[in-house]
N, C-alpha and C. Protein backbone atom coordinates (compact mmCIF):
# COMPACT_ATOMS: atom_id res chain seq x y z
N MET A 1 1.08 -1.15 0.18
CA MET A 1 -0.49 0.01 0.03
C MET A 1 1.18 1.17 0.15
N SER A 2 -0.02 2.58 -0.75
CA SER A 2 2.03 2.85 -1.13
C SER A 2 0.81 3.99 0.08
N HIS A 3 2.45 5.30 0.95
CA HIS A 3 1.58 6.21 1.60
C HIS A 3 0.58 7.27 0.63
N SER A 4 -0.06 7.61 -0.05
CA SER A 4 -0.73 7.86 -0.24
C SER A 4 -2.20 7.96 -0.14
N ALA A 5 -2.06 6.24 -0.75
CA ALA A 5 -3.12 5.24 -0.69
C ALA A 5 -3.45 5.45 1.24
N GLN A 6 -4.52 5.50 1.04
CA GLN A 6 -6.15 5.68 2.68
C GLN A 6 -6.48 4.31 2.24
N ARG A 7 -6.62 3.81 3.75
CA ARG A 7 -7.15 2.90 4.37
C ARG A 7 -8.60 3.15 4.89
N LYS A 8 -10.24 2.91 4.58
CA LYS A 8 -10.66 2.84 4.93
C LYS A 8 -11.00 2.24 5.96
N LEU A 9 -11.74 2.88 7.11
CA LEU A 9 -11.45 2.36 8.90
C LEU A 9 -13.14 2.21 8.71
N PRO A 10 -13.57 1.01 9.84
CA PRO A 10 -14.97 1.20 10.10
C PRO A 10 -14.75 1.75 10.75
N PRO A 11 -16.54 2.16 11.21
CA PRO A 11 -16.87 3.24 12.10
C PRO A 11 -16.72 2.01 13.64
N ARG A 12 -16.13 3.31 14.19
CA ARG A 12 -15.78 3.31 16.22
C ARG A 12 -16.47 1.57 16.59
N ALA A 13 -17.93 1.73 16.72
CA ALA A 13 -18.64 0.88 17.02
C ALA A 13 -18.50 -0.32 16.65
N ALA A 14 -18.02 -0.63 15.44
CA ALA A 14 -18.00 -1.64 14.61
C ALA A 14 -16.49 -2.90 15.08
N TYR A 15 -15.82 -1.92 16.03
CA TYR A 15 -15.20 -2.73 16.70
C TYR A 15 -15.42 -3.41 17.76
N ARG A 16 -14.94 -5.40 17.44
CA ARG A 16 -15.57 -6.19 18.37
C ARG A 16 -14.83 -6.22 19.37
N THR A 17 -13.97 -5.27 19.30
CA THR A 17 -12.87 -6.19 20.86
C THR A 17 -12.69 -4.28 21.60
N LEU A 18 -11.77 -4.62 22.31
CA LEU A 18 -10.98 -3.49 23.14
C LEU A 18 -9.76 -3.15 22.28
N GLN A 19 -8.84 -4.03 22.00
CA GLN A 19 -7.83 -4.63 21.44
C GLN A 19 -7.92 -3.67 19.97
N GLY A 20 -8.68 -4.37 19.68
CA GLY A 20 -9.01 -3.79 18.22
C GLY A 20 -9.57 -2.34 17.66
N TRP A 21 -10.43 -2.01 19.25
CA TRP A 21 -10.78 -0.79 18.56
C TRP A 21 -9.52 0.45 19.02
N ALA A 22 -8.78 0.25 20.15
CA ALA A 22 -7.01 0.81 20.62
C ALA A 22 -6.38 0.82 18.76
N LEU A 23 -6.08 -0.46 18.59
CA LEU A 23 -5.36 -0.61 17.22
C LEU A 23 -5.99 0.57 16.07
N GLY A 24 -7.09 0.79 16.35
CA GLY A 24 -7.97 1.04 14.95
C GLY A 24 -6.97 2.93 15.64
N THR A 25 -7.72 2.92 16.91
CA THR A 25 -7.22 4.32 17.40
C THR A 25 -5.70 4.65 16.97
N LEU A 26 -4.99 3.65 17.46
CA LEU A 26 -3.35 4.32 17.19
C LEU A 26 -3.39 4.60 15.68
N ILE A 27 -3.75 3.85 14.80
CA ILE A 27 -3.62 4.45 13.13
C ILE A 27 -4.73 5.31 12.89
N GLU A 28 -5.97 5.84 13.84
CA GLU A 28 -6.42 7.02 13.16
C GLU A 28 -5.28 8.09 13.57
N GLN A 29 -4.54 7.63 14.60
CA GLN A 29 -3.95 9.37 14.81
C GLN A 29 -3.10 9.42 14.74
N GLY A 30 -2.44 8.00 13.65
CA GLY A 30 -0.78 8.37 12.46
C GLY A 30 0.25 8.16 13.85
N ALA A 31 0.07 7.44 14.94
CA ALA A 31 0.85 6.78 15.61
C ALA A 31 1.55 5.64 14.72
N LEU A 32 1.14 4.58 13.80
CA LEU A 32 1.28 3.25 13.93
C LEU A 32 1.59 3.59 12.16
N LYS A 33 2.75 3.19 11.69
CA LYS A 33 2.41 2.90 10.21
C LYS A 33 2.32 1.32 10.01
N GLU A 34 2.70 1.09 8.79
CA GLU A 34 2.22 -0.01 7.82
C GLU A 34 3.48 -0.41 7.38
N CYS A 35 4.06 -1.41 7.41
CA CYS A 35 5.71 -2.07 6.57
C CYS A 35 4.61 -2.22 5.30
N GLU A 36 6.01 -1.78 4.56
CA GLU A 36 5.44 -1.70 2.64
C GLU A 36 5.21 -3.47 2.34
N HIS A 37 5.81 -4.18 2.73
CA HIS A 37 6.53 -5.13 2.24
C HIS A 37 5.91 -5.83 2.76
N HIS A 38 5.79 -6.06 4.63
CA HIS A 38 5.12 -7.55 5.19
C HIS A 38 3.50 -6.70 5.56
N GLY A 39 2.87 -6.24 5.86
CA GLY A 39 2.00 -5.65 6.08
C GLY A 39 1.76 -5.51 7.55
N HIS A 40 3.03 -5.30 8.50
CA HIS A 40 2.85 -5.24 9.63
C HIS A 40 2.97 -4.04 10.76
N ARG A 41 1.74 -3.30 11.63
CA ARG A 41 2.27 -2.50 12.22
C ARG A 41 2.83 -1.95 13.05
N VAL A 42 4.24 -1.25 12.88
CA VAL A 42 5.17 -0.75 13.29
C VAL A 42 5.17 1.02 14.48
N ASP A 43 5.38 1.49 15.29
CA ASP A 43 5.19 2.01 15.84
C ASP A 43 6.11 3.08 15.30
N ARG A 44 5.42 4.87 14.81
CA ARG A 44 5.67 5.28 14.16
C ARG A 44 7.32 6.38 15.12
N GLY A 45 6.85 6.25 16.35
CA GLY A 45 7.94 7.13 17.45
C GLY A 45 7.52 8.42 17.70
N ASP A 46 6.77 9.01 17.12
CA ASP A 46 5.96 10.21 17.32
C ASP A 46 4.91 10.49 18.69
N PRO A 47 5.66 10.75 19.38
CA PRO A 47 4.98 11.34 20.48
C PRO A 47 3.61 12.30 20.39
N ASP A 48 3.41 13.27 19.42
CA ASP A 48 2.45 13.88 19.05
C ASP A 48 0.99 12.71 18.62
N ALA A 49 1.60 12.16 18.30
CA ALA A 49 0.62 11.03 17.52
C ALA A 49 -0.19 10.11 18.82
N TRP A 50 1.16 9.98 19.61
CA TRP A 50 0.70 8.80 20.96
C TRP A 50 -0.49 9.73 21.43
N ASN A 51 -0.31 11.31 21.62
CA ASN A 51 -1.25 11.78 23.43
C ASN A 51 -2.12 11.76 21.92
N ARG A 52 -2.40 12.02 21.32
CA ARG A 52 -3.54 12.03 20.19
C ARG A 52 -4.05 10.66 20.44
N ALA A 53 -3.77 10.01 20.90
CA ALA A 53 -4.63 8.72 21.16
C ALA A 53 -4.90 8.52 22.32
N ARG A 54 -3.68 9.09 23.06
CA ARG A 54 -4.74 8.94 24.09
C ARG A 54 -5.88 9.80 24.55
N GLU A 55 -5.62 10.72 23.85
CA GLU A 55 -7.33 11.98 24.30
C GLU A 55 -8.05 11.54 23.95
N GLU A 56 -8.03 10.88 22.21
CA GLU A 56 -8.79 9.72 21.63
C GLU A 56 -9.45 9.00 22.76
N ALA A 57 -9.15 7.93 22.76
CA ALA A 57 -9.16 7.43 24.32
C ALA A 57 -9.98 7.27 25.50
N TRP A 58 -9.73 8.37 26.06
CA TRP A 58 -10.32 9.49 27.20
C TRP A 58 -11.92 9.75 26.35
N ARG A 59 -11.60 10.58 25.26
CA ARG A 59 -12.59 11.77 25.46
C ARG A 59 -13.75 10.73 24.92
N ASN A 60 -13.28 9.70 23.71
CA ASN A 60 -14.21 9.32 22.86
C ASN A 60 -14.43 7.37 23.00
N PRO A 61 -14.30 7.20 24.76
CA PRO A 61 -14.31 5.00 24.95
C PRO A 61 -14.76 4.46 23.65
N HIS A 62 -14.50 3.50 23.84
CA HIS A 62 -14.60 2.26 23.14
C HIS A 62 -16.82 1.48 23.95
N PRO A 63 -17.66 1.67 23.03
CA PRO A 63 -18.64 1.24 23.70
C PRO A 63 -18.85 0.21 24.54
N GLY A 64 -19.43 0.53 26.26
CA GLY A 64 -18.80 -0.04 27.13
C GLY A 64 -17.90 -0.42 28.40
N ALA A 65 -16.96 0.28 28.10
CA ALA A 65 -16.33 0.42 28.05
C ALA A 65 -15.76 1.75 29.09
N THR A 66 -14.61 2.07 30.34
CA THR A 66 -14.19 3.41 30.70
C THR A 66 -13.19 3.46 29.89
N PRO A 67 -13.13 4.61 30.70
CA PRO A 67 -12.17 5.58 29.66
C PRO A 67 -10.74 5.35 29.98
N GLU A 68 -10.38 4.86 31.04
CA GLU A 68 -9.79 4.20 32.15
C GLU A 68 -9.15 3.11 31.75
N ALA A 69 -10.23 1.97 31.54
CA ALA A 69 -9.49 0.63 30.43
C ALA A 69 -9.18 0.99 28.75
N CYS A 70 -9.72 2.28 28.30
CA CYS A 70 -9.55 2.28 27.27
C CYS A 70 -8.03 3.46 26.71
N LEU A 71 -8.33 3.76 27.66
CA LEU A 71 -6.67 4.45 28.10
C LEU A 71 -5.17 3.49 28.51
N ALA A 72 -5.51 2.69 29.10
CA ALA A 72 -4.72 1.37 29.76
C ALA A 72 -4.56 0.70 28.02
N THR A 73 -5.76 0.58 28.17
CA THR A 73 -5.69 -0.79 26.62
C THR A 73 -4.87 0.44 25.25
N VAL A 74 -4.87 1.04 25.21
CA VAL A 74 -3.86 1.96 24.02
C VAL A 74 -2.74 1.61 23.82
N GLU A 75 -2.76 2.02 25.54
CA GLU A 75 -0.68 2.21 26.24
C GLU A 75 -0.33 0.41 26.16
N ALA A 76 -1.30 -0.28 26.32
CA ALA A 76 -1.20 -1.99 26.22
C ALA A 76 -0.44 -2.40 24.83
N VAL A 77 -0.88 -1.76 24.18
CA VAL A 77 -0.99 -2.02 22.26
C VAL A 77 0.24 -1.29 22.11
N LEU A 78 0.42 -0.23 22.69
CA LEU A 78 1.62 0.52 22.08
C LEU A 78 3.01 -0.39 22.56
N ARG A 79 2.99 -0.79 23.62
CA ARG A 79 4.02 -1.24 24.47
C ARG A 79 3.92 -2.39 23.29
N GLY A 80 3.01 -3.30 22.97
CA GLY A 80 3.19 -4.41 22.31
C GLY A 80 3.58 -4.28 21.01
N LEU A 81 4.49 -3.01 20.07
CA LEU A 81 4.72 -2.81 18.93
C LEU A 81 6.05 -2.20 19.37
N GLY A 82 6.89 -2.64 18.35
CA GLY A 82 8.20 -2.40 18.09
C GLY A 82 7.66 -1.20 17.05
N ASP A 83 9.23 -0.53 16.64
CA ASP A 83 9.25 0.05 15.65
C ASP A 83 10.32 -0.24 14.24
N THR A 84 10.15 -1.43 14.54
CA THR A 84 11.36 -2.62 13.36
C THR A 84 10.16 -2.94 13.06
N CYS A 85 9.47 -3.02 11.39
CA CYS A 85 8.71 -4.88 11.28
C CYS A 85 9.73 -6.60 11.24
N PRO A 86 9.23 -7.10 12.29
CA PRO A 86 9.97 -8.24 12.76
C PRO A 86 10.35 -9.18 11.33
N ASP A 87 9.22 -9.12 9.96
CA ASP A 87 9.93 -9.75 9.15
C ASP A 87 11.40 -8.76 7.54
N CYS A 88 11.79 -7.73 7.89
CA CYS A 88 11.89 -6.73 7.56
C CYS A 88 13.89 -7.85 7.69
């Protein structure tokens, strides 16, 4: 996928899990990028994007979850991703 192409994400309510919602939030806020060769998500290392994702998680939590749980899940997803593709 080229950098100029944008993937359409489903509406927030369509995410089935809190982890999927958190991943979507990080993608929407530009905190993650996709490896062009393998498709893995990797951390862009952008503190401003991380902060936007945290703010979004707090202001617009996943349906049925608390803002605290959403923020903790965003943090957990961030900690679980590296800044390099594991297959490169």
